[in-house]
Amino acid sequence: MAELFSNTDDGRVKGPNGTWAGTRDVDTGASVLTSENSSVNFTAVNVFASRGGGNSYRVERTFMYFDTSGITGTVASAQFEIIGGGSGGTDGSIIAVKSNAFGGDGGTALSTADFDAMPGWTDGASQEGNVTKYSVAFESTSGTWNPAGQNNLTATSDLLADMKNNDVVIVCFLDYTYDYLNVTPTSVGTTNIGGRFTEQTNSSTRPRIDFTLATGYTHTVMGVAAANIGKVNTLATANIGKINSLD
């Protein structure tokens, strides 16, 4: 498999402390962190007990971008690989979605204004069907998040297409169970997933996308994607470069 590392401008944006809507749905975060090499709050939802009764909240999200300008072929499969960020960041959930942070092209630094920089983001609602998912979700039913080893998030077809068609792929990683689905947490404490950033000295522990390019014939036939075609006129697509001399 080939691999792409996240740009070193990756980082986290924290929402303000406040009501659930006041932290989850704000346009601008309270602070941005871009020099960490790891964090137990790669994705996080914090619940604080208020002295006057009730709870207050804070949401934290991670943003990365990947240079995909060198990919011209069809991407057959891909996965995000995130090394855990240490003990304590294992009881949350995570999903990767399409973002337009970093100026939309990686040309500007991550800022607090990127907190909701996800095309289709809808305040006060679940993001299912609104934003573009770049990975399947990892939650408690998915298994155990490794606090020190490799964790994989399987890519969606939208990520595979954008890796081929766009020069830059920009990603937001956020909590799935509460943040993405807009479910107000009730238990005081922090629900988080830990992860490491590209500031890691050892390249083996940096976040990346591992991917495989399709081989052989890679074109749509009568509206059917090449990935779903095994043979054309009984000839395996892996052995087809052209049909009737056409690329």
C-alpha atoms as a PDB file:
ATOM      1  CA  MET A   1       0.000   0.000   0.000  1.00  0.00           C
ATOM      2  CA  ALA A   2       1.075   3.587  -0.646  1.00  0.00           C
ATOM      3  CA  GLU A   3       0.804   6.151   2.103  1.00  0.00           C
ATOM      4  CA  LEU A   4       0.165   9.868   2.585  1.00  0.00           C
ATOM      5  CA  PHE A   5       1.163  11.697   5.751  1.00  0.00           C
ATOM      6  CA  SER A   6      -0.806  14.583   7.188  1.00  0.00           C
ATOM      7  CA  ASN A   7       0.723  18.037   6.731  1.00  0.00           C
ATOM      8  CA  THR A   8       2.541  19.420   9.782  1.00  0.00           C
ATOM      9  CA  ASP A   9      -0.080  22.187  10.070  1.00  0.00           C
ATOM     10  CA  ASP A  10      -2.524  19.672  11.559  1.00  0.00           C
ATOM     11  CA  GLY A  11      -4.043  20.501  14.927  1.00  0.00           C
ATOM     12  CA  ARG A  12      -7.070  20.787  17.188  1.00  0.00           C
ATOM     13  CA  VAL A  13      -9.739  23.417  17.693  1.00  0.00           C
ATOM     14  CA  LYS A  14     -11.557  23.646  21.020  1.00  0.00           C
ATOM     15  CA  GLY A  15     -15.051  25.023  21.331  1.00  0.00           C
ATOM     16  CA  PRO A  16     -15.934  27.383  24.184  1.00  0.00           C
ATOM     17  CA  ASN A  17     -17.319  26.187  27.506  1.00  0.00           C
ATOM     18  CA  GLY A  18     -21.065  26.672  27.617  1.00  0.00           C
ATOM     19  CA  THR A  19     -24.373  25.055  26.812  1.00  0.00           C
ATOM     20  CA  TRP A  20     -24.391  22.059  24.488  1.00  0.00           C
ATOM     21  CA  ALA A  21     -25.526  24.196  21.552  1.00  0.00           C
ATOM     22  CA  GLY A  22     -23.186  26.948  22.697  1.00  0.00           C
ATOM     23  CA  THR A  23     -20.116  24.777  22.237  1.00  0.00           C
ATOM     24  CA  ARG A  24     -21.150  22.373  19.486  1.00  0.00           C
ATOM     25  CA  ASP A  25     -22.834  24.796  17.093  1.00  0.00           C
ATOM     26  CA  VAL A  26     -20.651  27.906  17.353  1.00  0.00           C
ATOM     27  CA  ASP A  27     -18.992  29.152  14.169  1.00  0.00           C
ATOM     28  CA  THR A  28     -15.728  30.070  15.893  1.00  0.00           C
ATOM     29  CA  GLY A  29     -13.866  27.997  18.452  1.00  0.00           C
ATOM     30  CA  ALA A  30     -12.247  29.314  21.607  1.00  0.00           C
ATOM     31  CA  SER A  31      -8.664  28.193  20.929  1.00  0.00           C
ATOM     32  CA  VAL A  32      -6.488  26.390  18.399  1.00  0.00           C
ATOM     33  CA  LEU A  33      -3.496  24.104  19.056  1.00  0.00           C
ATOM     34  CA  THR A  34      -1.092  23.248  16.224  1.00  0.00           C
ATOM     35  CA  SER A  35       2.184  22.306  17.921  1.00  0.00           C
ATOM     36  CA  GLU A  36       1.135  19.161  19.833  1.00  0.00           C
ATOM     37  CA  ASN A  37       2.696  15.830  18.927  1.00  0.00           C
ATOM     38  CA  SER A  38      -0.161  13.920  20.583  1.00  0.00           C
ATOM     39  CA  SER A  39      -3.318  14.436  22.601  1.00  0.00           C
ATOM     40  CA  VAL A  40      -5.744  12.265  24.517  1.00  0.00           C
ATOM     41  CA  ASN A  41      -8.398  14.695  23.238  1.00  0.00           C
ATOM     42  CA  PHE A  42      -7.915  14.029  19.513  1.00  0.00           C
ATOM     43  CA  THR A  43     -11.707  14.012  19.576  1.00  0.00           C
ATOM     44  CA  ALA A  44     -13.424  14.912  22.832  1.00  0.00           C
ATOM     45  CA  VAL A  45     -16.663  15.903  24.513  1.00  0.00           C
ATOM     46  CA  ASN A  46     -16.258  17.364  28.003  1.00  0.00           C
ATOM     47  CA  VAL A  47     -19.066  17.691  30.549  1.00  0.00           C
ATOM     48  CA  PHE A  48     -18.563  19.927  33.592  1.00  0.00           C
ATOM     49  CA  ALA A  49     -20.816  20.173  36.630  1.00  0.00           C
ATOM     50  CA  SER A  50     -21.890  23.775  37.180  1.00  0.00           C
ATOM     51  CA  ARG A  51     -22.020  25.223  40.691  1.00  0.00           C
ATOM     52  CA  GLY A  52     -25.503  26.575  40.114  1.00  0.00           C
ATOM     53  CA  GLY A  53     -26.847  23.253  38.882  1.00  0.00           C
ATOM     54  CA  GLY A  54     -26.921  21.729  35.444  1.00  0.00           C
ATOM     55  CA  ASN A  55     -23.916  21.037  33.259  1.00  0.00           C
ATOM     56  CA  SER A  56     -21.665  22.925  30.894  1.00  0.00           C
ATOM     57  CA  TYR A  57     -19.868  21.420  27.901  1.00  0.00           C
ATOM     58  CA  ARG A  58     -16.854  21.711  25.582  1.00  0.00           C
ATOM     59  CA  VAL A  59     -16.297  20.000  22.223  1.00  0.00           C
ATOM     60  CA  GLU A  60     -12.835  19.419  20.689  1.00  0.00           C
ATOM     61  CA  ARG A  61     -12.098  18.503  17.049  1.00  0.00           C
ATOM     62  CA  THR A  62      -8.957  17.647  15.050  1.00  0.00           C
ATOM     63  CA  PHE A  63      -8.204  18.909  11.536  1.00  0.00           C
ATOM     64  CA  MET A  64      -5.690  17.581   8.995  1.00  0.00           C
ATOM     65  CA  TYR A  65      -4.955  17.888   5.323  1.00  0.00           C
ATOM     66  CA  PHE A  66      -3.220  15.592   2.850  1.00  0.00           C
ATOM     67  CA  ASP A  67      -1.518  16.415  -0.454  1.00  0.00           C
ATOM     68  CA  THR A  68      -3.233  14.207  -3.033  1.00  0.00           C
ATOM     69  CA  SER A  69      -2.011  16.081  -6.125  1.00  0.00           C
ATOM     70  CA  GLY A  70       0.126  13.134  -7.212  1.00  0.00           C
ATOM     71  CA  ILE A  71      -2.778  10.679  -7.331  1.00  0.00           C
ATOM     72  CA  THR A  72      -4.222  10.354 -10.826  1.00  0.00           C
ATOM     73  CA  GLY A  73      -5.471   6.780 -10.877  1.00  0.00           C
ATOM     74  CA  THR A  74      -8.559   5.272  -9.314  1.00  0.00           C
ATOM     75  CA  VAL A  75      -8.154   4.639  -5.591  1.00  0.00           C
ATOM     76  CA  ALA A  76      -9.395   1.126  -4.893  1.00  0.00           C
ATOM     77  CA  SER A  77      -9.220   1.227  -1.088  1.00  0.00           C
ATOM     78  CA  ALA A  78      -7.896   3.383   1.726  1.00  0.00           C
ATOM     79  CA  GLN A  79      -7.872   3.774   5.475  1.00  0.00           C
ATOM     80  CA  PHE A  80      -6.825   6.384   7.996  1.00  0.00           C
ATOM     81  CA  GLU A  81      -4.186   5.123  10.392  1.00  0.00           C
ATOM     82  CA  ILE A  82      -4.062   6.918  13.739  1.00  0.00           C
ATOM     83  CA  ILE A  83      -1.674   5.928  16.518  1.00  0.00           C
ATOM     84  CA  GLY A  84      -3.311   6.268  19.931  1.00  0.00           C
ATOM     85  CA  GLY A  85      -2.453   9.314  22.027  1.00  0.00           C
ATOM     86  CA  GLY A  86      -1.888   7.619  25.369  1.00  0.00           C
ATOM     87  CA  SER A  87      -3.909   6.197  28.216  1.00  0.00           C
ATOM     88  CA  GLY A  88      -7.140   7.988  29.006  1.00  0.00           C
ATOM     89  CA  GLY A  89      -8.129   8.558  25.387  1.00  0.00           C
ATOM     90  CA  THR A  90      -9.893   5.290  24.687  1.00  0.00           C
ATOM     91  CA  ASP A  91     -13.541   5.590  25.749  1.00  0.00           C
ATOM     92  CA  GLY A  92     -14.841   7.956  23.069  1.00  0.00           C
ATOM     93  CA  SER A  93     -15.774   7.658  19.418  1.00  0.00           C
ATOM     94  CA  ILE A  94     -14.508   9.128  16.151  1.00  0.00           C
ATOM     95  CA  ILE A  95     -15.479   9.712  12.544  1.00  0.00           C
ATOM     96  CA  ALA A  96     -13.670  11.497   9.712  1.00  0.00           C
ATOM     97  CA  VAL A  97     -15.637  13.976   7.572  1.00  0.00           C
ATOM     98  CA  LYS A  98     -14.813  16.303   4.701  1.00  0.00           C
ATOM     99  CA  SER A  99     -13.633  19.768   5.730  1.00  0.00           C
ATOM    100  CA  ASN A 100     -12.726  23.074   4.081  1.00  0.00           C
ATOM    101  CA  ALA A 101     -10.469  24.282   6.878  1.00  0.00           C
ATOM    102  CA  PHE A 102      -6.978  25.662   6.129  1.00  0.00           C
ATOM    103  CA  GLY A 103      -8.489  28.086   3.603  1.00  0.00           C
ATOM    104  CA  GLY A 104     -10.021  25.194   1.671  1.00  0.00           C
ATOM    105  CA  ASP A 105      -6.738  24.408  -0.069  1.00  0.00           C
ATOM    106  CA  GLY A 106      -4.163  24.071   2.697  1.00  0.00           C
ATOM    107  CA  GLY A 107      -2.992  27.610   2.019  1.00  0.00           C
ATOM    108  CA  THR A 108      -3.716  29.130   5.424  1.00  0.00           C
ATOM    109  CA  ALA A 109      -3.036  28.095   9.005  1.00  0.00           C
ATOM    110  CA  LEU A 110      -5.674  26.335  11.062  1.00  0.00           C
ATOM    111  CA  SER A 111      -7.744  28.894  12.970  1.00  0.00           C
ATOM    112  CA  THR A 112     -10.569  29.082  15.472  1.00  0.00           C
ATOM    113  CA  ALA A 113     -12.834  30.028  12.544  1.00  0.00           C
ATOM    114  CA  ASP A 114     -12.374  26.489  11.178  1.00  0.00           C
ATOM    115  CA  PHE A 115     -14.273  24.931  14.078  1.00  0.00           C
ATOM    116  CA  ASP A 116     -17.354  24.240  11.919  1.00  0.00           C
ATOM    117  CA  ALA A 117     -15.524  24.188   8.558  1.00  0.00           C
ATOM    118  CA  MET A 118     -17.345  21.148   7.217  1.00  0.00           C
ATOM    119  CA  PRO A 119     -19.445  21.616   4.055  1.00  0.00           C
ATOM    120  CA  GLY A 120     -23.077  20.873   4.863  1.00  0.00           C
ATOM    121  CA  TRP A 121     -22.699  21.321   8.623  1.00  0.00           C
ATOM    122  CA  THR A 122     -26.139  22.024  10.110  1.00  0.00           C
ATOM    123  CA  ASP A 123     -26.503  23.562  13.561  1.00  0.00           C
ATOM    124  CA  GLY A 124     -28.828  21.819  15.991  1.00  0.00           C
ATOM    125  CA  ALA A 125     -29.064  18.608  13.978  1.00  0.00           C
ATOM    126  CA  SER A 126     -27.385  15.280  13.400  1.00  0.00           C
ATOM    127  CA  GLN A 127     -24.861  15.532  10.583  1.00  0.00           C
ATOM    128  CA  GLU A 128     -25.962  12.233   9.064  1.00  0.00           C
ATOM    129  CA  GLY A 129     -26.885  13.113   5.482  1.00  0.00           C
ATOM    130  CA  ASN A 130     -25.557  16.664   5.830  1.00  0.00           C
ATOM    131  CA  VAL A 131     -21.757  16.481   5.833  1.00  0.00           C
ATOM    132  CA  THR A 132     -19.652  14.154   3.676  1.00  0.00           C
ATOM    133  CA  LYS A 133     -18.323  11.154   5.561  1.00  0.00           C
ATOM    134  CA  TYR A 134     -14.727  10.216   4.829  1.00  0.00           C
ATOM    135  CA  SER A 135     -14.661   7.164   7.115  1.00  0.00           C
ATOM    136  CA  VAL A 136     -16.862   4.708   8.882  1.00  0.00           C
ATOM    137  CA  ALA A 137     -17.441   5.582  12.527  1.00  0.00           C
ATOM    138  CA  PHE A 138     -15.554   4.002  15.404  1.00  0.00           C
ATOM    139  CA  GLU A 139     -17.558   3.706  18.615  1.00  0.00           C
ATOM    140  CA  SER A 140     -17.716   1.430  21.621  1.00  0.00           C
ATOM    141  CA  THR A 141     -19.355  -1.335  19.591  1.00  0.00           C
ATOM    142  CA  SER A 142     -16.451  -1.272  17.112  1.00  0.00           C
ATOM    143  CA  GLY A 143     -13.925  -2.699  19.557  1.00  0.00           C
ATOM    144  CA  THR A 144     -11.199  -1.152  21.691  1.00  0.00           C
ATOM    145  CA  TRP A 145      -9.230   1.926  20.670  1.00  0.00           C
ATOM    146  CA  ASN A 146      -5.514   1.175  21.110  1.00  0.00           C
ATOM    147  CA  PRO A 147      -3.966   3.886  23.342  1.00  0.00           C
ATOM    148  CA  ALA A 148      -0.431   3.308  22.054  1.00  0.00           C
ATOM    149  CA  GLY A 149      -0.758   1.344  18.808  1.00  0.00           C
ATOM    150  CA  GLN A 150      -2.312   1.674  15.389  1.00  0.00           C
ATOM    151  CA  ASN A 151      -6.027   2.314  14.885  1.00  0.00           C
ATOM    152  CA  ASN A 152      -7.668   2.122  11.460  1.00  0.00           C
ATOM    153  CA  LEU A 153     -10.671   3.980  10.069  1.00  0.00           C
ATOM    154  CA  THR A 154     -11.936   2.522   6.789  1.00  0.00           C
ATOM    155  CA  ALA A 155     -12.430   5.097   4.030  1.00  0.00           C
ATOM    156  CA  THR A 156     -15.716   5.782   2.267  1.00  0.00           C
ATOM    157  CA  SER A 157     -16.182   6.007  -1.497  1.00  0.00           C
ATOM    158  CA  ASP A 158     -16.326   9.810  -1.139  1.00  0.00           C
ATOM    159  CA  LEU A 159     -12.781   9.889   0.200  1.00  0.00           C
ATOM    160  CA  LEU A 160     -11.558   7.552  -2.550  1.00  0.00           C
ATOM    161  CA  ALA A 161     -13.071   9.830  -5.202  1.00  0.00           C
ATOM    162  CA  ASP A 162     -11.711  13.042  -3.659  1.00  0.00           C
ATOM    163  CA  MET A 163      -8.226  11.556  -3.358  1.00  0.00           C
ATOM    164  CA  LYS A 164      -8.225  11.033  -7.120  1.00  0.00           C
ATOM    165  CA  ASN A 165      -9.996  14.231  -8.171  1.00  0.00           C
ATOM    166  CA  ASN A 166      -8.679  16.865  -5.723  1.00  0.00           C
ATOM    167  CA  ASP A 167      -5.177  18.169  -5.090  1.00  0.00           C
ATOM    168  CA  VAL A 168      -5.832  18.396  -1.358  1.00  0.00           C
ATOM    169  CA  VAL A 169      -8.015  16.326   0.947  1.00  0.00           C
ATOM    170  CA  ILE A 170      -8.961  18.148   4.156  1.00  0.00           C
ATOM    171  CA  VAL A 171     -10.379  16.182   7.068  1.00  0.00           C
ATOM    172  CA  CYS A 172     -12.103  16.892  10.359  1.00  0.00           C
ATOM    173  CA  PHE A 173     -12.052  14.151  12.991  1.00  0.00           C
ATOM    174  CA  LEU A 174     -14.836  14.573  15.535  1.00  0.00           C
ATOM    175  CA  ASP A 175     -16.652  12.623  18.205  1.00  0.00           C
ATOM    176  CA  TYR A 176     -19.323  10.463  16.576  1.00  0.00           C
ATOM    177  CA  THR A 177     -21.681   9.489  19.392  1.00  0.00           C
ATOM    178  CA  TYR A 178     -22.389  12.981  20.724  1.00  0.00           C
ATOM    179  CA  ASP A 179     -20.890  15.647  18.460  1.00  0.00           C
ATOM    180  CA  TYR A 180     -21.666  14.217  15.014  1.00  0.00           C
ATOM    181  CA  LEU A 181     -25.104  12.864  15.958  1.00  0.00           C
ATOM    182  CA  ASN A 182     -25.996  15.893  18.149  1.00  0.00           C
ATOM    183  CA  VAL A 183     -26.794  13.913  21.287  1.00  0.00           C
ATOM    184  CA  THR A 184     -26.352  15.846  24.526  1.00  0.00           C
ATOM    185  CA  PRO A 185     -24.148  13.850  26.938  1.00  0.00           C
ATOM    186  CA  THR A 186     -25.428  13.523  30.492  1.00  0.00           C
ATOM    187  CA  SER A 187     -22.513  12.131  32.530  1.00  0.00           C
ATOM    188  CA  VAL A 188     -19.954  14.527  33.985  1.00  0.00           C
ATOM    189  CA  GLY A 189     -16.454  13.805  32.660  1.00  0.00           C
ATOM    190  CA  THR A 190     -14.550  13.583  29.384  1.00  0.00           C
ATOM    191  CA  THR A 191     -15.356  11.145  26.591  1.00  0.00           C
ATOM    192  CA  ASN A 192     -12.368  11.106  24.283  1.00  0.00           C
ATOM    193  CA  ILE A 193     -10.213   9.393  21.692  1.00  0.00           C
ATOM    194  CA  GLY A 194      -6.440   9.912  21.752  1.00  0.00           C
ATOM    195  CA  GLY A 195      -4.251  10.352  18.700  1.00  0.00           C
ATOM    196  CA  ARG A 196      -0.865  11.526  17.487  1.00  0.00           C
ATOM    197  CA  PHE A 197       0.029  14.301  15.067  1.00  0.00           C
ATOM    198  CA  THR A 198       2.588  14.809  12.312  1.00  0.00           C
ATOM    199  CA  GLU A 199       4.887  16.562  14.796  1.00  0.00           C
ATOM    200  CA  GLN A 200       5.880  13.062  15.903  1.00  0.00           C
ATOM    201  CA  THR A 201       9.641  12.565  15.374  1.00  0.00           C
ATOM    202  CA  ASN A 202       9.209   8.949  14.302  1.00  0.00           C
ATOM    203  CA  SER A 203       7.410   8.738  10.953  1.00  0.00           C
ATOM    204  CA  SER A 204       5.926   5.367  11.931  1.00  0.00           C
ATOM    205  CA  THR A 205       3.745   7.079  14.557  1.00  0.00           C
ATOM    206  CA  ARG A 206       2.490   9.937  12.357  1.00  0.00           C
ATOM    207  CA  PRO A 207      -1.123   9.972  11.102  1.00  0.00           C
ATOM    208  CA  ARG A 208      -1.524   8.850   7.526  1.00  0.00           C
ATOM    209  CA  ILE A 209      -3.792   7.530   4.810  1.00  0.00           C
ATOM    210  CA  ASP A 210      -2.780   4.123   3.477  1.00  0.00           C
ATOM    211  CA  PHE A 211      -4.246   3.452   0.049  1.00  0.00           C
ATOM    212  CA  THR A 212      -4.172   1.111  -2.922  1.00  0.00           C
ATOM    213  CA  LEU A 213      -4.661   2.118  -6.538  1.00  0.00           C
ATOM    214  CA  ALA A 214      -6.830   0.068  -8.850  1.00  0.00           C
ATOM    215  CA  THR A 215      -5.013  -1.934 -11.493  1.00  0.00           C
ATOM    216  CA  GLY A 216      -6.080  -2.891 -14.984  1.00  0.00           C
ATOM    217  CA  TYR A 217      -9.186  -1.425 -16.565  1.00  0.00           C
ATOM    218  CA  THR A 218     -10.552   1.451 -14.439  1.00  0.00           C
ATOM    219  CA  HIS A 219     -13.378   3.017 -16.438  1.00  0.00           C
ATOM    220  CA  THR A 220     -17.145   3.010 -16.026  1.00  0.00           C
ATOM    221  CA  VAL A 221     -18.990   0.685 -18.406  1.00  0.00           C
ATOM    222  CA  MET A 222     -22.651   1.475 -19.146  1.00  0.00           C
ATOM    223  CA  GLY A 223     -22.923   3.393 -15.884  1.00  0.00           C
ATOM    224  CA  VAL A 224     -21.287   0.690 -13.741  1.00  0.00           C
ATOM    225  CA  ALA A 225     -18.159   1.714 -11.810  1.00  0.00           C
ATOM    226  CA  ALA A 226     -14.996  -0.215 -12.649  1.00  0.00           C
ATOM    227  CA  ALA A 227     -14.688  -1.305  -9.013  1.00  0.00           C
ATOM    228  CA  ASN A 228     -17.905  -3.293  -9.489  1.00  0.00           C
ATOM    229  CA  ILE A 229     -16.863  -4.909 -12.777  1.00  0.00           C
ATOM    230  CA  GLY A 230     -14.957  -8.166 -12.650  1.00  0.00           C
ATOM    231  CA  LYS A 231     -14.891  -8.989 -16.352  1.00  0.00           C
ATOM    232  CA  VAL A 232     -15.667  -7.458 -19.734  1.00  0.00           C
ATOM    233  CA  ASN A 233     -16.660 -10.057 -22.324  1.00  0.00           C
ATOM    234  CA  THR A 234     -15.255 -12.803 -20.029  1.00  0.00           C
ATOM    235  CA  LEU A 235     -11.839 -11.080 -19.780  1.00  0.00           C
ATOM    236  CA  ALA A 236     -10.771 -10.086 -16.250  1.00  0.00           C
ATOM    237  CA  THR A 237     -10.552  -6.310 -15.887  1.00  0.00           C
ATOM    238  CA  ALA A 238      -7.075  -6.645 -14.366  1.00  0.00           C
ATOM    239  CA  ASN A 239      -5.932  -7.772 -17.805  1.00  0.00           C
ATOM    240  CA  ILE A 240      -7.625  -4.963 -19.747  1.00  0.00           C
ATOM    241  CA  GLY A 241      -5.798  -1.751 -20.510  1.00  0.00           C
ATOM    242  CA  LYS A 242      -7.966  -0.586 -23.416  1.00  0.00           C
ATOM    243  CA  ILE A 243     -11.181  -1.520 -25.189  1.00  0.00           C
ATOM    244  CA  ASN A 244     -11.262  -1.142 -28.981  1.00  0.00           C
ATOM    245  CA  SER A 245      -7.972   0.835 -28.760  1.00  0.00           C
ATOM    246  CA  LEU A 246      -9.613   3.488 -26.551  1.00  0.00           C
ATOM    247  CA  ASP A 247      -8.108   4.477 -23.176  1.00  0.00           C
END
